[in-house]
Protein backbone atom coordinates (compact mmCIF):
# COMPACT_ATOMS: atom_id res chain seq x y z
CA MET A 1 16.63 146.07 164.88
CA ALA A 2 14.52 144.23 162.29
CA THR A 3 10.82 143.87 162.91
CA GLU A 4 9.20 140.45 163.15
CA TYR A 5 7.71 140.87 159.68
CA GLU A 6 11.10 141.87 158.25
CA LEU A 7 12.64 138.74 159.78
CA LYS A 8 9.92 136.61 158.19
CA LYS A 9 10.79 138.15 154.83
CA GLN A 10 14.49 137.40 155.44
CA ILE A 11 13.67 133.77 156.21
CA CYS A 12 11.81 133.55 152.89
CA GLU A 13 14.74 135.16 151.05
CA ILE A 14 17.24 132.73 152.59
CA GLY A 15 14.86 129.86 151.80
CA LYS A 16 14.91 130.91 148.15
CA ARG A 17 18.69 131.15 148.20
CA ILE A 18 19.19 127.62 149.52
CA TYR A 19 16.61 126.34 147.02
CA ASP A 20 18.17 128.16 144.06
CA ARG A 21 21.66 126.95 145.04
CA ASN A 22 20.52 123.30 145.01
CA MET A 23 20.96 122.98 148.77
CA VAL A 24 17.45 121.54 149.19
CA ALA A 25 15.02 119.60 147.02
CA ALA A 26 11.23 119.58 147.16
CA ASN A 27 10.22 120.35 150.78
CA ASP A 28 13.60 119.65 152.41
CA GLY A 29 15.38 121.86 154.92
CA ASN A 30 14.30 124.26 157.64
CA ILE A 31 15.27 127.68 158.99
CA SER A 32 14.73 129.39 162.33
CA VAL A 33 15.46 132.77 163.94
CA LYS A 34 15.52 133.71 167.62
CA LEU A 35 13.32 136.65 168.61
CA ASN A 36 13.96 136.42 172.36
CA ASP A 37 14.60 133.69 174.93
CA ASN A 38 11.13 132.19 174.47
CA GLU A 39 10.03 133.18 170.95
CA PHE A 40 11.37 131.86 167.67
CA LEU A 41 10.33 132.11 164.03
CA CYS A 42 10.62 128.97 161.91
CA THR A 43 9.72 127.54 158.52
CA PRO A 44 6.71 125.22 158.28
CA THR A 45 6.70 121.57 157.36
CA GLY A 46 5.71 120.33 153.94
CA VAL A 47 6.52 123.42 151.87
CA SER A 48 9.29 124.20 149.40
CA LYS A 49 11.77 126.65 150.85
CA GLY A 50 12.02 128.31 147.43
CA PHE A 51 8.40 129.44 147.32
CA MET A 52 7.62 130.75 150.80
CA THR A 53 6.00 134.07 151.67
CA PRO A 54 5.93 135.69 155.14
CA GLU A 55 2.52 134.28 156.05
CA TYR A 56 4.02 130.77 155.85
CA ILE A 57 6.33 131.41 158.82
CA CYS A 58 5.38 130.02 162.24
CA LYS A 59 6.24 131.20 165.73
CA VAL A 60 7.13 128.74 168.49
CA ASP A 61 8.30 128.85 172.10
CA ALA A 62 11.55 127.45 173.51
CA LYS A 63 9.98 123.96 173.70
CA GLY A 64 8.89 124.05 170.07
CA ASN A 65 5.22 124.55 170.95
CA VAL A 66 3.23 126.68 168.49
CA ILE A 67 2.58 130.27 169.55
CA GLN A 68 1.23 131.42 166.20
CA ALA A 69 0.75 129.75 162.81
CA ASN A 70 -1.64 130.53 159.99
CA LYS A 71 -4.17 127.90 158.93
CA GLY A 72 -2.58 125.08 156.99
CA PHE A 73 0.91 125.63 158.39
CA LYS A 74 2.74 124.02 161.29
CA PRO A 75 6.41 123.96 162.33
CA SER A 76 8.77 121.37 160.95
CA SER A 77 9.13 118.28 163.11
CA GLU A 78 12.88 119.00 163.11
CA ILE A 79 12.38 122.16 165.17
CA LYS A 80 13.63 120.05 168.09
CA MET A 81 17.10 120.15 166.55
CA HIS A 82 16.99 123.94 166.30
CA MET A 83 15.75 124.34 169.87
CA ARG A 84 18.64 122.27 171.18
CA VAL A 85 21.10 124.60 169.47
CA TYR A 86 19.47 127.67 171.05
CA GLU A 87 19.35 125.98 174.45
CA LYS A 88 23.03 125.09 174.51
CA ARG A 89 24.35 128.09 172.60
CA PRO A 90 22.80 131.34 173.93
CA ASP A 91 25.03 133.32 171.54
CA VAL A 92 23.19 131.86 168.52
CA GLY A 93 20.51 133.91 166.77
CA ALA A 94 19.63 131.70 163.80
CA VAL A 95 19.91 128.10 162.57
CA VAL A 96 19.87 126.71 159.02
CA HIS A 97 19.40 123.07 158.04
CA ALA A 98 19.84 122.02 154.41
CA HIS A 99 20.98 119.17 152.19
CA PRO A 100 23.77 120.72 150.07
CA THR A 101 24.88 118.05 147.63
CA PHE A 102 28.66 117.92 148.19
CA ALA A 103 28.47 118.30 151.96
CA THR A 104 25.68 115.73 152.18
CA ALA A 105 27.74 113.34 150.07
CA PHE A 106 30.52 113.58 152.67
CA ALA A 107 27.93 113.01 155.42
CA ILE A 108 26.66 109.90 153.62
CA ALA A 109 30.21 108.64 153.10
CA GLY A 110 31.01 109.24 156.78
CA ILE A 111 33.86 111.67 156.06
CA PRO A 112 34.09 114.80 158.26
CA LEU A 113 35.34 118.06 156.76
CA THR A 114 38.54 118.43 158.74
CA GLN A 115 41.38 118.78 156.23
CA PRO A 116 43.00 122.25 156.30
CA ILE A 117 43.19 123.04 152.59
CA MET A 118 42.28 126.72 152.25
CA PRO A 119 42.78 129.74 154.53
CA GLU A 120 39.16 130.90 154.49
CA ALA A 121 37.86 127.54 155.70
CA VAL A 122 40.42 127.28 158.50
CA ILE A 123 39.84 130.85 159.70
CA ALA A 124 36.10 131.30 159.34
CA LEU A 125 34.67 127.79 159.46
CA GLY A 126 36.96 125.51 161.39
CA CYS A 127 36.36 121.79 161.35
CA VAL A 128 32.99 120.29 160.53
CA PRO A 129 32.47 116.95 162.32
CA ILE A 130 29.74 114.40 161.65
CA ALA A 131 26.97 114.01 164.21
CA GLU A 132 25.90 110.40 164.45
CA TYR A 133 22.76 109.28 162.63
CA GLY A 134 19.38 109.90 164.22
CA THR A 135 15.86 109.12 163.06
CA PRO A 136 14.25 112.27 161.60
CA SER A 137 11.62 114.02 163.78
CA THR A 138 12.82 112.21 166.93
CA MET A 139 15.01 113.40 169.79
CA GLU A 140 17.85 111.26 168.45
CA ILE A 141 19.15 114.02 166.16
CA PRO A 142 19.27 116.83 168.77
CA ASP A 143 20.76 114.39 171.28
CA ASN A 144 23.50 113.42 168.82
CA VAL A 145 24.18 117.03 167.79
CA GLU A 146 24.39 118.35 171.35
CA LYS A 147 27.91 117.20 172.17
CA TYR A 148 29.30 119.18 169.21
CA LEU A 149 27.56 122.46 170.04
CA PRO A 150 30.13 123.84 172.52
CA TYR A 151 32.98 123.49 170.02
CA TYR A 152 31.69 124.08 166.49
CA ASP A 153 29.42 126.30 164.39
CA ALA A 154 28.52 123.63 161.83
CA VAL A 155 28.06 119.87 161.69
CA LEU A 156 27.30 117.29 159.07
CA LEU A 157 24.37 115.04 159.96
CA GLU A 158 25.21 111.44 159.15
CA SER A 159 23.29 110.32 156.04
CA HIS A 160 21.13 113.42 156.29
CA GLY A 161 22.59 116.84 155.48
CA ALA A 162 24.19 119.78 157.24
CA LEU A 163 23.34 122.11 160.14
CA THR A 164 24.83 125.57 160.69
CA TRP A 165 24.22 128.30 163.25
CA SER A 166 25.47 131.80 164.00
CA VAL A 167 24.64 135.18 165.52
CA ASP A 168 22.03 136.06 162.90
CA LEU A 169 20.29 134.59 159.88
CA LEU A 170 22.64 135.87 157.20
CA ALA A 171 25.69 134.64 159.13
CA ALA A 172 24.11 131.21 159.64
CA TYR A 173 23.35 130.99 155.92
CA HIS A 174 26.89 132.05 155.04
CA LYS A 175 28.14 129.18 157.22
CA MET A 176 26.06 126.80 155.10
CA GLU A 177 27.52 128.28 151.91
CA SER A 178 31.02 127.90 153.34
CA VAL A 179 30.42 124.27 154.32
CA GLU A 180 29.23 123.41 150.81
CA PHE A 181 32.03 125.33 149.08
CA TYR A 182 34.63 123.62 151.30
CA ALA A 183 33.10 120.21 150.60
CA GLU A 184 33.03 120.82 146.85
CA LEU A 185 36.67 121.92 146.74
CA LEU A 186 37.74 118.98 148.90
CA TYR A 187 35.86 116.56 146.64
CA LYS A 188 37.32 118.01 143.45
CA SER A 189 40.85 118.12 144.84
CA LYS A 190 40.52 114.44 145.73
CA MET A 191 39.62 113.76 142.10
CA LEU A 192 42.89 115.48 141.09
CA GLY A 193 45.00 113.21 143.24
CA GLY A 194 44.39 114.54 146.72
CA PRO A 195 44.57 117.95 148.39
CA LYS A 196 47.78 119.46 149.67
CA GLU A 197 47.14 120.19 153.35
CA PHE A 198 48.62 123.02 155.39
CA ASP A 199 51.19 121.96 157.94
CA ARG A 200 50.63 122.56 161.65
CA ALA A 201 52.61 125.83 161.71
CA THR A 202 50.52 127.27 158.87
CA VAL A 203 47.29 126.24 160.60
CA GLU A 204 48.45 127.92 163.82
CA ARG A 205 49.21 131.16 161.95
CA LEU A 206 45.71 131.08 160.46
CA TYR A 207 44.26 130.47 163.94
CA GLU A 208 46.14 133.52 165.20
CA ILE A 209 44.56 135.60 162.44
CA ARG A 210 41.15 134.39 163.62
CA ARG A 211 41.98 135.38 167.19
CA GLN A 212 42.95 138.86 166.02
CA PHE A 213 39.68 139.22 164.08
CA ASN A 214 37.77 138.29 167.26
CA LEU A 215 35.13 136.53 165.17
CA PRO A 216 31.92 135.38 166.89
CA GLY A 217 31.04 131.76 167.49
CA LYS A 218 33.04 128.72 168.54
CA HIS A 219 36.13 127.47 166.80
CA PRO A 220 39.06 125.23 167.79
CA ALA A 221 41.47 128.14 167.35
CA ASN A 222 42.62 127.77 170.94
CA LEU A 223 42.99 124.36 172.53
CA CYS A 224 40.39 121.97 171.17
CA LEU A 225 38.21 120.91 174.09
CA ASN A 226 36.44 118.19 172.15
CA LYS A 227 36.89 114.48 172.72
CA HIS A 228 40.36 113.49 171.62
CA THR A 229 39.07 110.71 169.36
CA LEU A 230 37.37 113.19 167.01
CA ASN A 231 39.20 114.82 164.12
CA CYS A 232 40.01 118.51 164.07
CA HIS A 233 42.78 120.74 162.78
CA ASN A 234 44.45 120.80 166.19
CA CYS A 235 44.25 117.26 167.52
CA GLY A 236 44.21 115.10 164.42
CA GLY A 237 43.33 116.25 160.90
CA GLY A 238 42.18 114.07 158.04
CA ASN A 239 45.76 113.24 156.97
CA THR A 240 49.22 113.60 158.44
CA GLY A 241 49.89 117.01 156.92
CA ALA A 242 48.11 118.80 159.76
CA GLY A 243 49.31 116.61 162.57
CA GLY A 244 46.88 113.76 162.09
CA CYS A 245 47.30 110.09 162.80
CA GLY A 246 50.68 109.86 161.14
CA GLY A 247 52.07 111.54 164.24
CA SER A 248 53.62 109.95 167.29
CA GLY A 249 50.56 110.68 169.45
CA CYS A 250 48.27 108.38 167.52
CA SER A 251 47.92 104.77 168.53
CA GLY A 252 45.79 103.39 165.72
CA SER A 253 42.03 103.32 165.27
CA VAL A 254 38.94 101.59 166.57
CA ASN A 255 35.85 101.31 164.36
CA GLY A 256 37.34 103.95 162.06
CA LYS A 257 37.96 106.49 164.84
CA LYS A 258 41.45 107.61 165.82
CA GLU A 259 42.85 106.60 169.19
CA TYR A 260 45.51 108.62 170.98
CA SER A 261 48.19 107.64 173.43
CA PRO A 262 47.75 108.28 177.18
CA GLU A 263 50.59 110.84 176.97
CA VAL A 264 48.69 112.94 174.42
CA VAL A 265 45.46 112.70 176.42
CA ALA A 266 47.35 113.77 179.58
CA GLU A 267 48.88 116.76 177.79
CA ILE A 268 45.48 117.87 176.46
CA THR A 269 44.05 117.58 179.96
CA ARG A 270 46.96 119.58 181.40
CA GLN A 271 46.45 122.41 178.88
CA VAL A 272 42.69 122.50 179.48
CA LEU A 273 43.21 122.78 183.25
CA ALA A 274 45.81 125.48 182.71
CA GLN A 275 43.40 127.52 180.63
CA LEU A 276 40.77 127.14 183.32
CA GLY A 277 43.23 128.27 185.98
CA MET A 278 43.13 124.86 187.66
CA LYS A 279 46.64 123.58 186.95
């Protein structure tokens, strides 16, 4: 197991990676790592993530209160967002927040990353929804992110950036890389006339591969338990190729969000109860 100092060095290394890959500018972004149920390491506010050294890193408790910080450093005000992830997802060991350019462009445009266009994204990443806009440094962002935490390992933050989490720091960072790579490919394929999506049968085969790998984290590879009005590979992808709103279950849209027929909602409810042994 890595020592606390080694974890601080890892945070600095990941900070340099996200800075060098143009995922943050100036003092943007923040990173945290869970030490135990009440101790967490996190990056400070007001510093470039590309130029940190271990003495920059702060330690906070589960409420975000400072346990230890060197003079001149204090935790980012967005630590509240990280703490909400740890509270609701006890399997998570690290959280990364950044502003990768392609993914953030989709967040600004209000377009979730839900189209199944490449095997790696479907298997390892799943869908990436958009958490509704919240004022930075307030409880609005963690409150808006919370409802996505049981079902996903990454979200776009409306008009803000991206947030990823996983079992450890390297895995959480890799999620951020995957989100940005997926967003870049989706953007470029749209410039070439639009991506060719996998059909539902292909998506299900990829989900079965994920099940066999027994990968950590959450993923809609079984029945999607999220609200039926939100896009995902299972219950309504970006276009009709993956069973989206061109299908018979869809009954139009309200304020840009898909609406589904009572029959589809009833079937989803039936399957959820069956999985819970409550049918």
